Amino acid sequence: MAGKDVPLESVPVPVRATIDRETAGGVIDEIELDTSKDGETVYEVEFHLDGVKYEIEVAADGTLLKRSLD
């Protein structure tokens, strides 16, 4: 499933709050707007912190769905 790249400035406020909290101290590499298997809007964020790459998935309401090493 390939998503559409979006800038941080265009994500909804609840999503941005979660992204800011989860990536604190890190550098965001990419944010993709995608659709889950259930048809829900999901933001997939790739970032690196202290030389380690991570990925998080955030629902449109700001709920953190997943955090993993990338």
PDB file of N, CA and C in Angstrom:
ATOM      1  N   MET A   1       0.833  -1.176   0.000  1.00  0.00           N
ATOM      2  CA  MET A   1       0.000   0.000   0.000  1.00  0.00           C
ATOM      3  C   MET A   1       0.881   1.242   0.000  1.00  0.00           C
ATOM      4  N   ALA A   2       0.933   1.968  -1.056  1.00  0.00           N
ATOM      5  CA  ALA A   2       1.736   3.180  -1.111  1.00  0.00           C
ATOM      6  C   ALA A   2       0.853   4.374  -0.790  1.00  0.00           C
ATOM      7  N   GLY A   3       1.339   5.218   0.117  1.00  0.00           N
ATOM      8  CA  GLY A   3       0.582   6.385   0.510  1.00  0.00           C
ATOM      9  C   GLY A   3       1.055   7.630  -0.213  1.00  0.00           C
ATOM     10  N   LYS A   4       0.431   8.729   0.135  1.00  0.00           N
ATOM     11  CA  LYS A   4       0.759  10.024  -0.455  1.00  0.00           C
ATOM     12  C   LYS A   4       1.584  10.809   0.557  1.00  0.00           C
ATOM     13  N   ASP A   5       2.741  11.314   0.138  1.00  0.00           N
ATOM     14  CA  ASP A   5       3.568  12.125   1.022  1.00  0.00           C
ATOM     15  C   ASP A   5       2.847  13.419   1.367  1.00  0.00           C
ATOM     16  N   VAL A   6       2.896  13.782   2.656  1.00  0.00           N
ATOM     17  CA  VAL A   6       2.277  15.026   3.105  1.00  0.00           C
ATOM     18  C   VAL A   6       3.250  15.764   4.029  1.00  0.00           C
ATOM     19  N   PRO A   7       3.215  17.098   4.010  1.00  0.00           N
ATOM     20  CA  PRO A   7       4.056  17.859   4.926  1.00  0.00           C
ATOM     21  C   PRO A   7       3.441  17.883   6.325  1.00  0.00           C
ATOM     22  N   LEU A   8       4.281  18.014   7.330  1.00  0.00           N
ATOM     23  CA  LEU A   8       3.820  18.054   8.716  1.00  0.00           C
ATOM     24  C   LEU A   8       2.774  19.145   8.927  1.00  0.00           C
ATOM     25  N   GLU A   9       2.936  20.255   8.241  1.00  0.00           N
ATOM     26  CA  GLU A   9       2.022  21.390   8.414  1.00  0.00           C
ATOM     27  C   GLU A   9       0.591  21.082   7.971  1.00  0.00           C
ATOM     28  N   SER A  10       0.399  20.048   7.159  1.00  0.00           N
ATOM     29  CA  SER A  10      -0.939  19.769   6.632  1.00  0.00           C
ATOM     30  C   SER A  10      -1.679  18.671   7.384  1.00  0.00           C
ATOM     31  N   VAL A  11      -1.053  18.064   8.387  1.00  0.00           N
ATOM     32  CA  VAL A  11      -1.748  17.007   9.120  1.00  0.00           C
ATOM     33  C   VAL A  11      -2.685  17.641  10.159  1.00  0.00           C
ATOM     34  N   PRO A  12      -3.777  16.965  10.511  1.00  0.00           N
ATOM     35  CA  PRO A  12      -4.704  17.514  11.508  1.00  0.00           C
ATOM     36  C   PRO A  12      -4.023  17.737  12.864  1.00  0.00           C
ATOM     37  N   VAL A  13      -4.530  18.685  13.622  1.00  0.00           N
ATOM     38  CA  VAL A  13      -3.937  19.057  14.913  1.00  0.00           C
ATOM     39  C   VAL A  13      -3.737  17.861  15.846  1.00  0.00           C
ATOM     40  N   PRO A  14      -4.721  16.958  16.022  1.00  0.00           N
ATOM     41  CA  PRO A  14      -4.497  15.814  16.929  1.00  0.00           C
ATOM     42  C   PRO A  14      -3.374  14.894  16.443  1.00  0.00           C
ATOM     43  N   VAL A  15      -3.258  14.736  15.133  1.00  0.00           N
ATOM     44  CA  VAL A  15      -2.199  13.896  14.558  1.00  0.00           C
ATOM     45  C   VAL A  15      -0.848  14.567  14.784  1.00  0.00           C
ATOM     46  N   ARG A  16      -0.794  15.854  14.567  1.00  0.00           N
ATOM     47  CA  ARG A  16       0.467  16.584  14.764  1.00  0.00           C
ATOM     48  C   ARG A  16       0.915  16.510  16.218  1.00  0.00           C
ATOM     49  N   ALA A  17      -0.007  16.611  17.155  1.00  0.00           N
ATOM     50  CA  ALA A  17       0.345  16.532  18.580  1.00  0.00           C
ATOM     51  C   ALA A  17       0.990  15.186  18.898  1.00  0.00           C
ATOM     52  N   THR A  18       0.430  14.104  18.346  1.00  0.00           N
ATOM     53  CA  THR A  18       0.988  12.765  18.569  1.00  0.00           C
ATOM     54  C   THR A  18       2.349  12.639  17.904  1.00  0.00           C
ATOM     55  N   ILE A  19       2.468  13.118  16.681  1.00  0.00           N
ATOM     56  CA  ILE A  19       3.749  13.065  15.979  1.00  0.00           C
ATOM     57  C   ILE A  19       4.807  13.840  16.760  1.00  0.00           C
ATOM     58  N   ASP A  20       4.464  15.051  17.206  1.00  0.00           N
ATOM     59  CA  ASP A  20       5.422  15.862  17.967  1.00  0.00           C
ATOM     60  C   ASP A  20       5.865  15.140  19.237  1.00  0.00           C
ATOM     61  N   ARG A  21       4.920  14.530  19.937  1.00  0.00           N
ATOM     62  CA  ARG A  21       5.230  13.819  21.189  1.00  0.00           C
ATOM     63  C   ARG A  21       6.106  12.594  20.924  1.00  0.00           C
ATOM     64  N   GLU A  22       5.747  11.803  19.924  1.00  0.00           N
ATOM     65  CA  GLU A  22       6.445  10.543  19.668  1.00  0.00           C
ATOM     66  C   GLU A  22       7.815  10.720  19.015  1.00  0.00           C
ATOM     67  N   THR A  23       8.003  11.819  18.293  1.00  0.00           N
ATOM     68  CA  THR A  23       9.276  12.031  17.595  1.00  0.00           C
ATOM     69  C   THR A  23      10.162  13.053  18.300  1.00  0.00           C
ATOM     70  N   ALA A  24       9.808  13.447  19.507  1.00  0.00           N
ATOM     71  CA  ALA A  24      10.557  14.481  20.233  1.00  0.00           C
ATOM     72  C   ALA A  24      12.046  14.147  20.268  1.00  0.00           C
ATOM     73  N   GLY A  25      12.851  15.100  19.824  1.00  0.00           N
ATOM     74  CA  GLY A  25      14.294  14.903  19.794  1.00  0.00           C
ATOM     75  C   GLY A  25      14.799  14.215  18.542  1.00  0.00           C
ATOM     76  N   GLY A  26      13.883  13.751  17.702  1.00  0.00           N
ATOM     77  CA  GLY A  26      14.261  13.052  16.472  1.00  0.00           C
ATOM     78  C   GLY A  26      14.057  13.935  15.255  1.00  0.00           C
ATOM     79  N   VAL A  27      14.353  13.373  14.094  1.00  0.00           N
ATOM     80  CA  VAL A  27      14.189  14.076  12.826  1.00  0.00           C
ATOM     81  C   VAL A  27      13.232  13.265  11.952  1.00  0.00           C
ATOM     82  N   ILE A  28      12.167  13.920  11.502  1.00  0.00           N
ATOM     83  CA  ILE A  28      11.176  13.251  10.657  1.00  0.00           C
ATOM     84  C   ILE A  28      11.721  13.140   9.237  1.00  0.00           C
ATOM     85  N   ASP A  29      11.701  11.923   8.705  1.00  0.00           N
ATOM     86  CA  ASP A  29      12.161  11.679   7.342  1.00  0.00           C
ATOM     87  C   ASP A  29      11.013  11.750   6.343  1.00  0.00           C
ATOM     88  N   GLU A  30       9.845  11.241   6.746  1.00  0.00           N
ATOM     89  CA  GLU A  30       8.730  11.148   5.804  1.00  0.00           C
ATOM     90  C   GLU A  30       7.419  10.959   6.551  1.00  0.00           C
ATOM     91  N   ILE A  31       6.360  11.581   6.027  1.00  0.00           N
ATOM     92  CA  ILE A  31       4.999  11.361   6.515  1.00  0.00           C
ATOM     93  C   ILE A  31       4.166  10.979   5.313  1.00  0.00           C
ATOM     94  N   GLU A  32       3.472   9.838   5.414  1.00  0.00           N
ATOM     95  CA  GLU A  32       2.599   9.384   4.330  1.00  0.00           C
ATOM     96  C   GLU A  32       1.175   9.278   4.836  1.00  0.00           C
ATOM     97  N   LEU A  33       0.248   9.754   4.034  1.00  0.00           N
ATOM     98  CA  LEU A  33      -1.175   9.596   4.288  1.00  0.00           C
ATOM     99  C   LEU A  33      -1.603   8.336   3.571  1.00  0.00           C
ATOM    100  N   ASP A  34      -2.189   7.410   4.307  1.00  0.00           N
ATOM    101  CA  ASP A  34      -2.545   6.115   3.737  1.00  0.00           C
ATOM    102  C   ASP A  34      -3.911   5.691   4.255  1.00  0.00           C
ATOM    103  N   THR A  35      -4.391   4.576   3.758  1.00  0.00           N
ATOM    104  CA  THR A  35      -5.652   3.999   4.206  1.00  0.00           C
ATOM    105  C   THR A  35      -5.388   2.595   4.722  1.00  0.00           C
ATOM    106  N   SER A  36      -5.913   2.295   5.916  1.00  0.00           N
ATOM    107  CA  SER A  36      -5.717   0.969   6.509  1.00  0.00           C
ATOM    108  C   SER A  36      -6.581  -0.061   5.799  1.00  0.00           C
ATOM    109  N   LYS A  37      -6.387  -1.328   6.165  1.00  0.00           N
ATOM    110  CA  LYS A  37      -7.196  -2.414   5.596  1.00  0.00           C
ATOM    111  C   LYS A  37      -8.677  -2.219   5.900  1.00  0.00           C
ATOM    112  N   ASP A  38      -8.966  -1.509   7.010  1.00  0.00           N
ATOM    113  CA  ASP A  38     -10.349  -1.259   7.419  1.00  0.00           C
ATOM    114  C   ASP A  38     -10.939  -0.004   6.788  1.00  0.00           C
ATOM    115  N   GLY A  39     -10.146   0.653   5.928  1.00  0.00           N
ATOM    116  CA  GLY A  39     -10.619   1.858   5.269  1.00  0.00           C
ATOM    117  C   GLY A  39     -10.424   3.124   6.080  1.00  0.00           C
ATOM    118  N   GLU A  40      -9.698   3.047   7.190  1.00  0.00           N
ATOM    119  CA  GLU A  40      -9.453   4.209   8.040  1.00  0.00           C
ATOM    120  C   GLU A  40      -8.237   4.992   7.546  1.00  0.00           C
ATOM    121  N   THR A  41      -8.258   6.294   7.747  1.00  0.00           N
ATOM    122  CA  THR A  41      -7.119   7.144   7.402  1.00  0.00           C
ATOM    123  C   THR A  41      -6.010   6.941   8.421  1.00  0.00           C
ATOM    124  N   VAL A  42      -4.789   6.741   7.928  1.00  0.00           N
ATOM    125  CA  VAL A  42      -3.634   6.499   8.789  1.00  0.00           C
ATOM    126  C   VAL A  42      -2.466   7.340   8.284  1.00  0.00           C
ATOM    127  N   TYR A  43      -1.755   7.928   9.224  1.00  0.00           N
ATOM    128  CA  TYR A  43      -0.529   8.660   8.906  1.00  0.00           C
ATOM    129  C   TYR A  43       0.654   7.801   9.323  1.00  0.00           C
ATOM    130  N   GLU A  44       1.513   7.459   8.367  1.00  0.00           N
ATOM    131  CA  GLU A  44       2.708   6.667   8.647  1.00  0.00           C
ATOM    132  C   GLU A  44       3.897   7.620   8.668  1.00  0.00           C
ATOM    133  N   VAL A  45       4.608   7.631   9.780  1.00  0.00           N
ATOM    134  CA  VAL A  45       5.706   8.575   9.973  1.00  0.00           C
ATOM    135  C   VAL A  45       7.004   7.807  10.178  1.00  0.00           C
ATOM    136  N   GLU A  46       7.989   8.104   9.345  1.00  0.00           N
ATOM    137  CA  GLU A  46       9.329   7.535   9.511  1.00  0.00           C
ATOM    138  C   GLU A  46      10.223   8.626  10.056  1.00  0.00           C
ATOM    139  N   PHE A  47      10.971   8.291  11.117  1.00  0.00           N
ATOM    140  CA  PHE A  47      11.884   9.276  11.695  1.00  0.00           C
ATOM    141  C   PHE A  47      13.077   8.556  12.287  1.00  0.00           C
ATOM    142  N   HIS A  48      14.132   9.333  12.558  1.00  0.00           N
ATOM    143  CA  HIS A  48      15.293   8.735  13.203  1.00  0.00           C
ATOM    144  C   HIS A  48      15.646   9.534  14.453  1.00  0.00           C
ATOM    145  N   LEU A  49      16.121   8.797  15.440  1.00  0.00           N
ATOM    146  CA  LEU A  49      16.482   9.350  16.734  1.00  0.00           C
ATOM    147  C   LEU A  49      17.714   8.620  17.228  1.00  0.00           C
ATOM    148  N   ASP A  50      18.769   9.357  17.510  1.00  0.00           N
ATOM    149  CA  ASP A  50      20.025   8.765  17.994  1.00  0.00           C
ATOM    150  C   ASP A  50      20.538   7.663  17.066  1.00  0.00           C
ATOM    151  N   GLY A  51      20.411   7.869  15.756  1.00  0.00           N
ATOM    152  CA  GLY A  51      20.928   6.920  14.782  1.00  0.00           C
ATOM    153  C   GLY A  51      20.049   5.700  14.544  1.00  0.00           C
ATOM    154  N   VAL A  52      18.884   5.654  15.175  1.00  0.00           N
ATOM    155  CA  VAL A  52      17.967   4.525  15.015  1.00  0.00           C
ATOM    156  C   VAL A  52      16.732   5.009  14.253  1.00  0.00           C
ATOM    157  N   LYS A  53      16.296   4.217  13.244  1.00  0.00           N
ATOM    158  CA  LYS A  53      15.107   4.572  12.461  1.00  0.00           C
ATOM    159  C   LYS A  53      13.866   3.928  13.070  1.00  0.00           C
ATOM    160  N   TYR A  54      12.821   4.714  13.179  1.00  0.00           N
ATOM    161  CA  TYR A  54      11.546   4.260  13.731  1.00  0.00           C
ATOM    162  C   TYR A  54      10.431   4.559  12.748  1.00  0.00           C
ATOM    163  N   GLU A  55       9.319   3.871  12.951  1.00  0.00           N
ATOM    164  CA  GLU A  55       8.103   4.173  12.208  1.00  0.00           C
ATOM    165  C   GLU A  55       6.944   4.163  13.193  1.00  0.00           C
ATOM    166  N   ILE A  56       6.069   5.155  13.073  1.00  0.00           N
ATOM    167  CA  ILE A  56       4.840   5.154  13.853  1.00  0.00           C
ATOM    168  C   ILE A  56       3.668   5.270  12.895  1.00  0.00           C
ATOM    169  N   GLU A  57       2.524   4.783  13.348  1.00  0.00           N
ATOM    170  CA  GLU A  57       1.278   4.954  12.609  1.00  0.00           C
ATOM    171  C   GLU A  57       0.307   5.656  13.541  1.00  0.00           C
ATOM    172  N   VAL A  58      -0.316   6.709  13.021  1.00  0.00           N
ATOM    173  CA  VAL A  58      -1.216   7.525  13.816  1.00  0.00           C
ATOM    174  C   VAL A  58      -2.561   7.616  13.099  1.00  0.00           C
ATOM    175  N   ALA A  59      -3.635   7.372  13.841  1.00  0.00           N
ATOM    176  CA  ALA A  59      -4.984   7.484  13.284  1.00  0.00           C
ATOM    177  C   ALA A  59      -5.340   8.960  13.106  1.00  0.00           C
ATOM    178  N   ALA A  60      -6.356   9.237  12.321  1.00  0.00           N
ATOM    179  CA  ALA A  60      -6.775  10.607  12.038  1.00  0.00           C
ATOM    180  C   ALA A  60      -7.201  11.362  13.294  1.00  0.00           C
ATOM    181  N   ASP A  61      -7.585  10.632  14.346  1.00  0.00           N
ATOM    182  CA  ASP A  61      -7.983  11.292  15.602  1.00  0.00           C
ATOM    183  C   ASP A  61      -6.802  11.490  16.547  1.00  0.00           C
ATOM    184  N   GLY A  62      -5.592  11.114  16.107  1.00  0.00           N
ATOM    185  CA  GLY A  62      -4.399  11.301  16.918  1.00  0.00           C
ATOM    186  C   GLY A  62      -3.989  10.091  17.739  1.00  0.00           C
ATOM    187  N   THR A  63      -4.743   9.003  17.653  1.00  0.00           N
ATOM    188  CA  THR A  63      -4.407   7.794  18.391  1.00  0.00           C
ATOM    189  C   THR A  63      -3.166   7.133  17.810  1.00  0.00           C
ATOM    190  N   LEU A  64      -2.198   6.816  18.666  1.00  0.00           N
ATOM    191  CA  LEU A  64      -1.002   6.089  18.228  1.00  0.00           C
ATOM    192  C   LEU A  64      -1.401   4.633  18.009  1.00  0.00           C
ATOM    193  N   LEU A  65      -1.251   4.149  16.784  1.00  0.00           N
ATOM    194  CA  LEU A  65      -1.648   2.779  16.451  1.00  0.00           C
ATOM    195  C   LEU A  65      -0.483   1.800  16.522  1.00  0.00           C
ATOM    196  N   LYS A  66       0.725   2.295  16.193  1.00  0.00           N
ATOM    197  CA  LYS A  66       1.882   1.395  16.134  1.00  0.00           C
ATOM    198  C   LYS A  66       3.156   2.205  16.260  1.00  0.00           C
ATOM    199  N   ARG A  67       4.141   1.617  16.919  1.00  0.00           N
ATOM    200  CA  ARG A  67       5.496   2.189  16.972  1.00  0.00           C
ATOM    201  C   ARG A  67       6.446   1.016  16.799  1.00  0.00           C
ATOM    202  N   SER A  68       7.355   1.123  15.844  1.00  0.00           N
ATOM    203  CA  SER A  68       8.284   0.023  15.609  1.00  0.00           C
ATOM    204  C   SER A  68       9.601   0.541  15.060  1.00  0.00           C
ATOM    205  N   LEU A  69      10.615  -0.309  15.129  1.00  0.00           N
ATOM    206  CA  LEU A  69      11.878  -0.012  14.470  1.00  0.00           C
ATOM    207  C   LEU A  69      11.655  -0.182  12.981  1.00  0.00           C
ATOM    208  N   ASP A  70      12.259   0.688  12.214  1.00  0.00           N
ATOM    209  CA  ASP A  70      12.064   0.619  10.764  1.00  0.00           C
ATOM    210  C   ASP A  70      13.232  -0.092  10.119  1.00  0.00           C
TER     211      ASP A  70
END
